[in-house]
mmCIF file of all heavy atoms, coordinates in Angstrom:
data_MODEL
# 
_entry.id   MODEL 
# 
loop_
_atom_site.group_PDB 
_atom_site.id 
_atom_site.type_symbol 
_atom_site.label_atom_id 
_atom_site.label_alt_id 
_atom_site.label_comp_id 
_atom_site.label_asym_id 
_atom_site.label_entity_id 
_atom_site.label_seq_id 
_atom_site.pdbx_PDB_ins_code 
_atom_site.Cartn_x 
_atom_site.Cartn_y 
_atom_site.Cartn_z 
_atom_site.occupancy 
_atom_site.B_iso_or_equiv 
_atom_site.pdbx_formal_charge 
_atom_site.auth_seq_id 
_atom_site.auth_comp_id 
_atom_site.auth_asym_id 
_atom_site.auth_atom_id 
_atom_site.pdbx_PDB_model_num 
ATOM 1   N N   . ALA A 1 1  ? -13.743 -16.496 -1.651  1.00 0.00 ? 1  ALA A N   1 
ATOM 2   C CA  . ALA A 1 1  ? -14.165 -16.122 -2.997  1.00 0.00 ? 1  ALA A CA  1 
ATOM 3   C C   . ALA A 1 1  ? -13.024 -15.402 -3.712  1.00 0.00 ? 1  ALA A C   1 
ATOM 4   O O   . ALA A 1 1  ? -12.108 -14.869 -3.070  1.00 0.00 ? 1  ALA A O   1 
ATOM 5   C CB  . ALA A 1 1  ? -15.391 -15.214 -2.926  1.00 0.00 ? 1  ALA A CB  1 
ATOM 6   N N   . PRO A 1 2  ? -13.052 -15.381 -5.044  1.00 0.00 ? 2  PRO A N   1 
ATOM 7   C CA  . PRO A 1 2  ? -12.045 -14.587 -5.763  1.00 0.00 ? 2  PRO A CA  1 
ATOM 8   C C   . PRO A 1 2  ? -12.077 -13.144 -5.277  1.00 0.00 ? 2  PRO A C   1 
ATOM 9   O O   . PRO A 1 2  ? -13.141 -12.547 -5.140  1.00 0.00 ? 2  PRO A O   1 
ATOM 10  C CB  . PRO A 1 2  ? -12.497 -14.706 -7.228  1.00 0.00 ? 2  PRO A CB  1 
ATOM 11  C CG  . PRO A 1 2  ? -13.297 -15.969 -7.292  1.00 0.00 ? 2  PRO A CG  1 
ATOM 12  C CD  . PRO A 1 2  ? -13.977 -16.067 -5.958  1.00 0.00 ? 2  PRO A CD  1 
ATOM 13  N N   . GLY A 1 3  ? -10.925 -12.587 -4.994  1.00 0.00 ? 3  GLY A N   1 
ATOM 14  C CA  . GLY A 1 3  ? -10.851 -11.230 -4.475  1.00 0.00 ? 3  GLY A CA  1 
ATOM 15  C C   . GLY A 1 3  ? -11.257 -10.196 -5.502  1.00 0.00 ? 3  GLY A C   1 
ATOM 16  O O   . GLY A 1 3  ? -11.218 -10.443 -6.723  1.00 0.00 ? 3  GLY A O   1 
ATOM 17  N N   . ALA A 1 4  ? -11.639 -9.009  -5.003  1.00 0.00 ? 4  ALA A N   1 
ATOM 18  C CA  . ALA A 1 4  ? -12.062 -7.935  -5.902  1.00 0.00 ? 4  ALA A CA  1 
ATOM 19  C C   . ALA A 1 4  ? -10.944 -7.537  -6.860  1.00 0.00 ? 4  ALA A C   1 
ATOM 20  O O   . ALA A 1 4  ? -11.207 -7.099  -7.984  1.00 0.00 ? 4  ALA A O   1 
ATOM 21  C CB  . ALA A 1 4  ? -12.513 -6.728  -5.085  1.00 0.00 ? 4  ALA A CB  1 
ATOM 22  N N   . GLY A 1 5  ? -9.699  -7.701  -6.424  1.00 0.00 ? 5  GLY A N   1 
ATOM 23  C CA  . GLY A 1 5  ? -8.577  -7.333  -7.278  1.00 0.00 ? 5  GLY A CA  1 
ATOM 24  C C   . GLY A 1 5  ? -8.007  -8.472  -8.094  1.00 0.00 ? 5  GLY A C   1 
ATOM 25  O O   . GLY A 1 5  ? -6.939  -8.323  -8.708  1.00 0.00 ? 5  GLY A O   1 
ATOM 26  N N   . HIS A 1 6  ? -8.713  -9.603  -8.135  1.00 0.00 ? 6  HIS A N   1 
ATOM 27  C CA  . HIS A 1 6  ? -8.184  -10.790 -8.829  1.00 0.00 ? 6  HIS A CA  1 
ATOM 28  C C   . HIS A 1 6  ? -7.855  -10.481 -10.286 1.00 0.00 ? 6  HIS A C   1 
ATOM 29  O O   . HIS A 1 6  ? -6.781  -10.840 -10.776 1.00 0.00 ? 6  HIS A O   1 
ATOM 30  C CB  . HIS A 1 6  ? -9.212  -11.934 -8.752  1.00 0.00 ? 6  HIS A CB  1 
ATOM 31  C CG  . HIS A 1 6  ? -8.740  -13.210 -9.382  1.00 0.00 ? 6  HIS A CG  1 
ATOM 32  N ND1 . HIS A 1 6  ? -8.156  -14.226 -8.671  1.00 0.00 ? 6  HIS A ND1 1 
ATOM 33  C CD2 . HIS A 1 6  ? -8.777  -13.641 -10.675 1.00 0.00 ? 6  HIS A CD2 1 
ATOM 34  C CE1 . HIS A 1 6  ? -7.841  -15.224 -9.483  1.00 0.00 ? 6  HIS A CE1 1 
ATOM 35  N NE2 . HIS A 1 6  ? -8.208  -14.893 -10.698 1.00 0.00 ? 6  HIS A NE2 1 
ATOM 36  N N   . ALA A 1 7  ? -8.771  -9.815  -10.972 1.00 0.00 ? 7  ALA A N   1 
ATOM 37  C CA  . ALA A 1 7  ? -8.577  -9.565  -12.402 1.00 0.00 ? 7  ALA A CA  1 
ATOM 38  C C   . ALA A 1 7  ? -7.380  -8.668  -12.686 1.00 0.00 ? 7  ALA A C   1 
ATOM 39  O O   . ALA A 1 7  ? -6.844  -8.680  -13.800 1.00 0.00 ? 7  ALA A O   1 
ATOM 40  C CB  . ALA A 1 7  ? -9.838  -8.941  -13.002 1.00 0.00 ? 7  ALA A CB  1 
ATOM 41  N N   . GLY A 1 8  ? -6.927  -7.902  -11.688 1.00 0.00 ? 8  GLY A N   1 
ATOM 42  C CA  . GLY A 1 8  ? -5.798  -7.017  -11.884 1.00 0.00 ? 8  GLY A CA  1 
ATOM 43  C C   . GLY A 1 8  ? -4.453  -7.651  -11.598 1.00 0.00 ? 8  GLY A C   1 
ATOM 44  O O   . GLY A 1 8  ? -3.412  -7.022  -11.828 1.00 0.00 ? 8  GLY A O   1 
ATOM 45  N N   . LEU A 1 9  ? -4.453  -8.889  -11.115 1.00 0.00 ? 9  LEU A N   1 
ATOM 46  C CA  . LEU A 1 9  ? -3.202  -9.576  -10.824 1.00 0.00 ? 9  LEU A CA  1 
ATOM 47  C C   . LEU A 1 9  ? -2.544  -10.067 -12.107 1.00 0.00 ? 9  LEU A C   1 
ATOM 48  O O   . LEU A 1 9  ? -3.225  -10.272 -13.118 1.00 0.00 ? 9  LEU A O   1 
ATOM 49  C CB  . LEU A 1 9  ? -3.464  -10.762 -9.893  1.00 0.00 ? 9  LEU A CB  1 
ATOM 50  C CG  . LEU A 1 9  ? -3.993  -10.453 -8.496  1.00 0.00 ? 9  LEU A CG  1 
ATOM 51  C CD1 . LEU A 1 9  ? -4.389  -11.747 -7.782  1.00 0.00 ? 9  LEU A CD1 1 
ATOM 52  C CD2 . LEU A 1 9  ? -2.962  -9.679  -7.683  1.00 0.00 ? 9  LEU A CD2 1 
ATOM 53  N N   . PRO A 1 10 ? -1.234  -10.310 -12.088 1.00 0.00 ? 10 PRO A N   1 
ATOM 54  C CA  . PRO A 1 10 ? -0.589  -10.923 -13.251 1.00 0.00 ? 10 PRO A CA  1 
ATOM 55  C C   . PRO A 1 10 ? -1.226  -12.272 -13.561 1.00 0.00 ? 10 PRO A C   1 
ATOM 56  O O   . PRO A 1 10 ? -1.616  -13.006 -12.645 1.00 0.00 ? 10 PRO A O   1 
ATOM 57  C CB  . PRO A 1 10 ? 0.872   -11.071 -12.807 1.00 0.00 ? 10 PRO A CB  1 
ATOM 58  C CG  . PRO A 1 10 ? 1.050   -10.066 -11.714 1.00 0.00 ? 10 PRO A CG  1 
ATOM 59  C CD  . PRO A 1 10 ? -0.274  -9.990  -11.011 1.00 0.00 ? 10 PRO A CD  1 
ATOM 60  N N   . LEU A 1 11 ? -1.315  -12.603 -14.821 1.00 0.00 ? 11 LEU A N   1 
ATOM 61  C CA  . LEU A 1 11 ? -2.001  -13.827 -15.221 1.00 0.00 ? 11 LEU A CA  1 
ATOM 62  C C   . LEU A 1 11 ? -1.434  -15.087 -14.562 1.00 0.00 ? 11 LEU A C   1 
ATOM 63  O O   . LEU A 1 11 ? -2.211  -15.936 -14.106 1.00 0.00 ? 11 LEU A O   1 
ATOM 64  C CB  . LEU A 1 11 ? -1.991  -13.962 -16.743 1.00 0.00 ? 11 LEU A CB  1 
ATOM 65  C CG  . LEU A 1 11 ? -2.765  -15.152 -17.317 1.00 0.00 ? 11 LEU A CG  1 
ATOM 66  C CD1 . LEU A 1 11 ? -4.221  -15.137 -16.865 1.00 0.00 ? 11 LEU A CD1 1 
ATOM 67  C CD2 . LEU A 1 11 ? -2.674  -15.165 -18.835 1.00 0.00 ? 11 LEU A CD2 1 
ATOM 68  N N   . PRO A 1 12 ? -0.105  -15.273 -14.479 1.00 0.00 ? 12 PRO A N   1 
ATOM 69  C CA  . PRO A 1 12 ? 0.395   -16.482 -13.800 1.00 0.00 ? 12 PRO A CA  1 
ATOM 70  C C   . PRO A 1 12 ? -0.100  -16.599 -12.368 1.00 0.00 ? 12 PRO A C   1 
ATOM 71  O O   . PRO A 1 12 ? -0.442  -17.685 -11.910 1.00 0.00 ? 12 PRO A O   1 
ATOM 72  C CB  . PRO A 1 12 ? 1.919   -16.305 -13.864 1.00 0.00 ? 12 PRO A CB  1 
ATOM 73  C CG  . PRO A 1 12 ? 2.161   -15.399 -15.007 1.00 0.00 ? 12 PRO A CG  1 
ATOM 74  C CD  . PRO A 1 12 ? 0.993   -14.462 -15.033 1.00 0.00 ? 12 PRO A CD  1 
ATOM 75  N N   . GLU A 1 13 ? -0.134  -15.466 -11.656 1.00 0.00 ? 13 GLU A N   1 
ATOM 76  C CA  . GLU A 1 13 ? -0.603  -15.505 -10.262 1.00 0.00 ? 13 GLU A CA  1 
ATOM 77  C C   . GLU A 1 13 ? -2.082  -15.864 -10.208 1.00 0.00 ? 13 GLU A C   1 
ATOM 78  O O   . GLU A 1 13 ? -2.520  -16.622 -9.329  1.00 0.00 ? 13 GLU A O   1 
ATOM 79  C CB  . GLU A 1 13 ? -0.360  -14.167 -9.590  1.00 0.00 ? 13 GLU A CB  1 
ATOM 80  C CG  . GLU A 1 13 ? -0.698  -14.163 -8.102  1.00 0.00 ? 13 GLU A CG  1 
ATOM 81  C CD  . GLU A 1 13 ? -0.313  -12.874 -7.407  1.00 0.00 ? 13 GLU A CD  1 
ATOM 82  O OE1 . GLU A 1 13 ? 0.401   -12.059 -8.013  1.00 0.00 ? 13 GLU A OE1 1 
ATOM 83  O OE2 . GLU A 1 13 ? -0.741  -12.695 -6.251  1.00 0.00 ? 13 GLU A OE2 1 
ATOM 84  N N   . ARG A 1 14 ? -2.876  -15.311 -11.123 1.00 0.00 ? 14 ARG A N   1 
ATOM 85  C CA  . ARG A 1 14 ? -4.301  -15.645 -11.152 1.00 0.00 ? 14 ARG A CA  1 
ATOM 86  C C   . ARG A 1 14 ? -4.506  -17.133 -11.393 1.00 0.00 ? 14 ARG A C   1 
ATOM 87  O O   . ARG A 1 14 ? -5.337  -17.778 -10.733 1.00 0.00 ? 14 ARG A O   1 
ATOM 88  C CB  . ARG A 1 14 ? -5.000  -14.844 -12.248 1.00 0.00 ? 14 ARG A CB  1 
ATOM 89  C CG  . ARG A 1 14 ? -5.385  -13.441 -11.841 1.00 0.00 ? 14 ARG A CG  1 
ATOM 90  C CD  . ARG A 1 14 ? -6.143  -12.753 -12.945 1.00 0.00 ? 14 ARG A CD  1 
ATOM 91  N NE  . ARG A 1 14 ? -5.242  -12.149 -13.911 1.00 0.00 ? 14 ARG A NE  1 
ATOM 92  C CZ  . ARG A 1 14 ? -5.522  -11.953 -15.187 1.00 0.00 ? 14 ARG A CZ  1 
ATOM 93  N NH1 . ARG A 1 14 ? -6.667  -12.360 -15.683 1.00 0.00 ? 14 ARG A NH1 1 
ATOM 94  N NH2 . ARG A 1 14 ? -4.659  -11.373 -15.984 1.00 0.00 ? 14 ARG A NH2 1 
ATOM 95  N N   . LEU A 1 15 ? -3.756  -17.694 -12.324 1.00 0.00 ? 15 LEU A N   1 
ATOM 96  C CA  . LEU A 1 15 ? -3.922  -19.111 -12.634 1.00 0.00 ? 15 LEU A CA  1 
ATOM 97  C C   . LEU A 1 15 ? -3.493  -19.990 -11.465 1.00 0.00 ? 15 LEU A C   1 
ATOM 98  O O   . LEU A 1 15 ? -4.100  -21.032 -11.202 1.00 0.00 ? 15 LEU A O   1 
ATOM 99  C CB  . LEU A 1 15 ? -3.134  -19.468 -13.895 1.00 0.00 ? 15 LEU A CB  1 
ATOM 100 C CG  . LEU A 1 15 ? -3.676  -18.871 -15.194 1.00 0.00 ? 15 LEU A CG  1 
ATOM 101 C CD1 . LEU A 1 15 ? -2.715  -19.143 -16.348 1.00 0.00 ? 15 LEU A CD1 1 
ATOM 102 C CD2 . LEU A 1 15 ? -5.061  -19.426 -15.525 1.00 0.00 ? 15 LEU A CD2 1 
ATOM 103 N N   . ARG A 1 16 ? -2.463  -19.565 -10.726 1.00 0.00 ? 16 ARG A N   1 
ATOM 104 C CA  . ARG A 1 16 ? -2.071  -20.337 -9.542  1.00 0.00 ? 16 ARG A CA  1 
ATOM 105 C C   . ARG A 1 16 ? -3.137  -20.266 -8.458  1.00 0.00 ? 16 ARG A C   1 
ATOM 106 O O   . ARG A 1 16 ? -3.412  -21.256 -7.773  1.00 0.00 ? 16 ARG A O   1 
ATOM 107 C CB  . ARG A 1 16 ? -0.715  -19.836 -9.007  1.00 0.00 ? 16 ARG A CB  1 
ATOM 108 C CG  . ARG A 1 16 ? 0.476   -20.336 -9.814  1.00 0.00 ? 16 ARG A CG  1 
ATOM 109 C CD  . ARG A 1 16 ? 1.788   -20.070 -9.080  1.00 0.00 ? 16 ARG A CD  1 
ATOM 110 N NE  . ARG A 1 16 ? 2.096   -18.658 -9.049  1.00 0.00 ? 16 ARG A NE  1 
ATOM 111 C CZ  . ARG A 1 16 ? 2.830   -18.028 -9.964  1.00 0.00 ? 16 ARG A CZ  1 
ATOM 112 N NH1 . ARG A 1 16 ? 3.305   -18.703 -10.999 1.00 0.00 ? 16 ARG A NH1 1 
ATOM 113 N NH2 . ARG A 1 16 ? 3.087   -16.741 -9.854  1.00 0.00 ? 16 ARG A NH2 1 
ATOM 114 N N   . LEU A 1 17 ? -3.767  -19.093 -8.308  1.00 0.00 ? 17 LEU A N   1 
ATOM 115 C CA  . LEU A 1 17 ? -4.878  -18.984 -7.359  1.00 0.00 ? 17 LEU A CA  1 
ATOM 116 C C   . LEU A 1 17 ? -6.049  -19.856 -7.789  1.00 0.00 ? 17 LEU A C   1 
ATOM 117 O O   . LEU A 1 17 ? -6.698  -20.507 -6.955  1.00 0.00 ? 17 LEU A O   1 
ATOM 118 C CB  . LEU A 1 17 ? -5.316  -17.527 -7.241  1.00 0.00 ? 17 LEU A CB  1 
ATOM 119 C CG  . LEU A 1 17 ? -4.364  -16.584 -6.501  1.00 0.00 ? 17 LEU A CG  1 
ATOM 120 C CD1 . LEU A 1 17 ? -4.828  -15.135 -6.656  1.00 0.00 ? 17 LEU A CD1 1 
ATOM 121 C CD2 . LEU A 1 17 ? -4.263  -16.956 -5.030  1.00 0.00 ? 17 LEU A CD2 1 
ATOM 122 N N   . ASP A 1 18 ? -6.332  -19.879 -9.080  1.00 0.00 ? 18 ASP A N   1 
ATOM 123 C CA  . ASP A 1 18 ? -7.402  -20.740 -9.602  1.00 0.00 ? 18 ASP A CA  1 
ATOM 124 C C   . ASP A 1 18 ? -7.105  -22.199 -9.281  1.00 0.00 ? 18 ASP A C   1 
ATOM 125 O O   . ASP A 1 18 ? -7.986  -22.943 -8.823  1.00 0.00 ? 18 ASP A O   1 
ATOM 126 C CB  . ASP A 1 18 ? -7.533  -20.576 -11.124 1.00 0.00 ? 18 ASP A CB  1 
ATOM 127 C CG  . ASP A 1 18 ? -7.970  -19.175 -11.541 1.00 0.00 ? 18 ASP A CG  1 
ATOM 128 O OD1 . ASP A 1 18 ? -8.578  -18.465 -10.721 1.00 0.00 ? 18 ASP A OD1 1 
ATOM 129 O OD2 . ASP A 1 18 ? -7.707  -18.803 -12.697 1.00 0.00 ? 18 ASP A OD2 1 
ATOM 130 N N   . ALA A 1 19 ? -5.865  -22.605 -9.526  1.00 0.00 ? 19 ALA A N   1 
ATOM 131 C CA  . ALA A 1 19 ? -5.488  -24.004 -9.275  1.00 0.00 ? 19 ALA A CA  1 
ATOM 132 C C   . ALA A 1 19 ? -5.604  -24.343 -7.793  1.00 0.00 ? 19 ALA A C   1 
ATOM 133 O O   . ALA A 1 19 ? -6.057  -25.436 -7.428  1.00 0.00 ? 19 ALA A O   1 
ATOM 134 C CB  . ALA A 1 19 ? -4.063  -24.254 -9.773  1.00 0.00 ? 19 ALA A CB  1 
ATOM 135 N N   . GLY A 1 20 ? -5.207  -23.408 -6.927  1.00 0.00 ? 20 GLY A N   1 
ATOM 136 C CA  . GLY A 1 20 ? -5.332  -23.659 -5.495  1.00 0.00 ? 20 GLY A CA  1 
ATOM 137 C C   . GLY A 1 20 ? -6.776  -23.821 -5.059  1.00 0.00 ? 20 GLY A C   1 
ATOM 138 O O   . GLY A 1 20 ? -7.101  -24.686 -4.241  1.00 0.00 ? 20 GLY A O   1 
ATOM 139 N N   . ALA A 1 21 ? -7.656  -22.976 -5.607  1.00 0.00 ? 21 ALA A N   1 
ATOM 140 C CA  . ALA A 1 21 ? -9.078  -23.082 -5.269  1.00 0.00 ? 21 ALA A CA  1 
ATOM 141 C C   . ALA A 1 21 ? -9.663  -24.395 -5.767  1.00 0.00 ? 21 ALA A C   1 
ATOM 142 O O   . ALA A 1 21 ? -10.435 -25.061 -5.061  1.00 0.00 ? 21 ALA A O   1 
ATOM 143 C CB  . ALA A 1 21 ? -9.842  -21.900 -5.865  1.00 0.00 ? 21 ALA A CB  1 
ATOM 144 N N   . LEU A 1 22 ? -9.297  -24.794 -6.967  1.00 0.00 ? 22 LEU A N   1 
ATOM 145 C CA  . LEU A 1 22 ? -9.815  -26.047 -7.517  1.00 0.00 ? 22 LEU A CA  1 
ATOM 146 C C   . LEU A 1 22 ? -9.331  -27.248 -6.706  1.00 0.00 ? 22 LEU A C   1 
ATOM 147 O O   . LEU A 1 22 ? -10.037 -28.255 -6.596  1.00 0.00 ? 22 LEU A O   1 
ATOM 148 C CB  . LEU A 1 22 ? -9.398  -26.183 -8.982  1.00 0.00 ? 22 LEU A CB  1 
ATOM 149 C CG  . LEU A 1 22 ? -10.082 -25.207 -9.944  1.00 0.00 ? 22 LEU A CG  1 
ATOM 150 C CD1 . LEU A 1 22 ? -9.394  -25.214 -11.302 1.00 0.00 ? 22 LEU A CD1 1 
ATOM 151 C CD2 . LEU A 1 22 ? -11.563 -25.544 -10.102 1.00 0.00 ? 22 LEU A CD2 1 
ATOM 152 N N   . ALA A 1 23 ? -8.138  -27.146 -6.124  1.00 0.00 ? 23 ALA A N   1 
ATOM 153 C CA  . ALA A 1 23 ? -7.645  -28.227 -5.269  1.00 0.00 ? 23 ALA A CA  1 
ATOM 154 C C   . ALA A 1 23 ? -8.409  -28.296 -3.955  1.00 0.00 ? 23 ALA A C   1 
ATOM 155 O O   . ALA A 1 23 ? -8.581  -29.385 -3.382  1.00 0.00 ? 23 ALA A O   1 
ATOM 156 C CB  . ALA A 1 23 ? -6.151  -28.032 -5.002  1.00 0.00 ? 23 ALA A CB  1 
ATOM 157 N N   . ALA A 1 24 ? -8.884  -27.148 -3.470  1.00 0.00 ? 24 ALA A N   1 
ATOM 158 C CA  . ALA A 1 24 ? -9.605  -27.109 -2.201  1.00 0.00 ? 24 ALA A CA  1 
ATOM 159 C C   . ALA A 1 24 ? -11.064 -27.524 -2.340  1.00 0.00 ? 24 ALA A C   1 
ATOM 160 O O   . ALA A 1 24 ? -11.685 -27.954 -1.361  1.00 0.00 ? 24 ALA A O   1 
ATOM 161 C CB  . ALA A 1 24 ? -9.526  -25.702 -1.602  1.00 0.00 ? 24 ALA A CB  1 
ATOM 162 N N   . LEU A 1 25 ? -11.622 -27.386 -3.528  1.00 0.00 ? 25 LEU A N   1 
ATOM 163 C CA  . LEU A 1 25 ? -13.070 -27.586 -3.698  1.00 0.00 ? 25 LEU A CA  1 
ATOM 164 C C   . LEU A 1 25 ? -13.544 -29.039 -3.579  1.00 0.00 ? 25 LEU A C   1 
ATOM 165 O O   . LEU A 1 25 ? -14.607 -29.270 -2.973  1.00 0.00 ? 25 LEU A O   1 
ATOM 166 C CB  . LEU A 1 25 ? -13.517 -27.007 -5.042  1.00 0.00 ? 25 LEU A CB  1 
ATOM 167 C CG  . LEU A 1 25 ? -13.787 -25.504 -5.029  1.00 0.00 ? 25 LEU A CG  1 
ATOM 168 C CD1 . LEU A 1 25 ? -13.799 -24.935 -6.447  1.00 0.00 ? 25 LEU A CD1 1 
ATOM 169 C CD2 . LEU A 1 25 ? -15.099 -25.210 -4.321  1.00 0.00 ? 25 LEU A CD2 1 
ATOM 170 N N   . PRO A 1 26 ? -12.853 -30.046 -4.131  1.00 0.00 ? 26 PRO A N   1 
ATOM 171 C CA  . PRO A 1 26 ? -13.409 -31.403 -4.065  1.00 0.00 ? 26 PRO A CA  1 
ATOM 172 C C   . PRO A 1 26 ? -13.742 -31.905 -2.672  1.00 0.00 ? 26 PRO A C   1 
ATOM 173 O O   . PRO A 1 26 ? -14.857 -32.408 -2.449  1.00 0.00 ? 26 PRO A O   1 
ATOM 174 C CB  . PRO A 1 26 ? -12.330 -32.249 -4.765  1.00 0.00 ? 26 PRO A CB  1 
ATOM 175 C CG  . PRO A 1 26 ? -11.695 -31.300 -5.731  1.00 0.00 ? 26 PRO A CG  1 
ATOM 176 C CD  . PRO A 1 26 ? -11.661 -29.995 -4.999  1.00 0.00 ? 26 PRO A CD  1 
# 
């Protein structure tokens, strides 16, 4: 799941984490 500190990360890092999760989900 998104970590508790996700919102505090730099935006580029958050978007890369989002992209990684979306790649794992299908």
